[in-house]
Amino acid sequence: MMAATGLFGFYLGRRSASQSKSWRQRTRRPVLARRAVGLLALVAVSQLQRSAQQRLTSRRG
């Protein structure tokens, strides 16, 4: 799962790198809001993976 997430992030990074935008276009409010939502989603996914991993290890013990 972690590998798939990493590959997905790499793919998105490559796609966004192909578009050359100016500094102002990258820092507009809607763009920053989208990036913030994306970051929050990544943090939430990370927390879910950690809690699922903890549940699995506590059942085995």
Protein backbone atom coordinates (compact mmCIF):
# COMPACT_ATOMS: atom_id res chain seq x y z
CA MET A 1 0.00 0.00 0.00
CA MET A 2 2.81 2.40 0.88
CA ALA A 3 4.58 1.61 -2.39
CA ALA A 4 1.42 2.30 -4.38
CA THR A 5 0.94 5.60 -2.56
CA GLY A 6 4.55 6.54 -3.25
CA LEU A 7 4.26 5.70 -6.93
CA PHE A 8 1.02 7.67 -7.16
CA GLY A 9 2.70 10.71 -5.59
CA PHE A 10 5.67 10.36 -7.92
CA TYR A 11 3.32 10.22 -10.92
CA LEU A 12 1.46 13.33 -9.79
CA GLY A 13 4.76 15.11 -9.22
CA ARG A 14 5.94 14.29 -12.71
CA ARG A 15 2.69 15.53 -14.23
CA SER A 16 2.78 18.79 -12.32
CA ALA A 17 6.47 19.30 -13.13
CA SER A 18 5.72 19.23 -16.85
CA GLN A 19 3.64 22.39 -16.56
CA SER A 20 5.83 25.43 -16.05
CA LYS A 21 3.85 28.08 -14.18
CA SER A 22 4.97 31.40 -12.86
CA TRP A 23 5.40 32.10 -9.16
CA ARG A 24 2.20 34.14 -9.05
CA GLN A 25 0.15 31.38 -10.66
CA ARG A 26 1.47 28.84 -8.16
CA THR A 27 0.66 31.02 -5.15
CA ARG A 28 -2.86 32.13 -5.95
CA ARG A 29 -5.38 31.56 -3.20
CA PRO A 30 -7.39 28.75 -4.90
CA VAL A 31 -4.20 26.91 -5.79
CA LEU A 32 -2.91 27.20 -2.24
CA ALA A 33 -6.28 26.01 -0.92
CA ARG A 34 -6.16 22.96 -3.18
CA ARG A 35 -2.64 22.16 -2.03
CA ALA A 36 -3.69 22.54 1.61
CA VAL A 37 -6.60 20.15 1.08
CA GLY A 38 -4.27 17.69 -0.61
CA LEU A 39 -1.84 17.91 2.28
CA LEU A 40 -4.63 17.35 4.80
CA ALA A 41 -5.78 14.32 2.81
CA LEU A 42 -2.27 12.87 2.85
CA VAL A 43 -2.02 13.40 6.61
CA ALA A 44 -5.40 11.73 7.12
CA VAL A 45 -4.40 8.74 4.98
CA SER A 46 -1.16 8.43 6.91
CA GLN A 47 -3.02 8.45 10.22
CA LEU A 48 -5.47 5.83 8.97
CA GLN A 49 -2.62 3.60 7.84
CA ARG A 50 -0.90 3.94 11.22
CA SER A 51 -4.05 3.12 13.16
CA ALA A 52 -4.80 0.14 10.91
CA GLN A 53 -1.25 -1.12 11.37
CA GLN A 54 -1.54 -0.76 15.14
CA ARG A 55 -4.84 -2.67 15.16
CA LEU A 56 -3.30 -5.49 13.15
CA THR A 57 -0.25 -5.77 15.40
CA SER A 58 -2.37 -5.66 18.58
CA ARG A 59 -4.56 -8.54 17.32
CA ARG A 60 -1.51 -10.70 16.66
CA GLY A 61 -0.06 -10.09 20.12
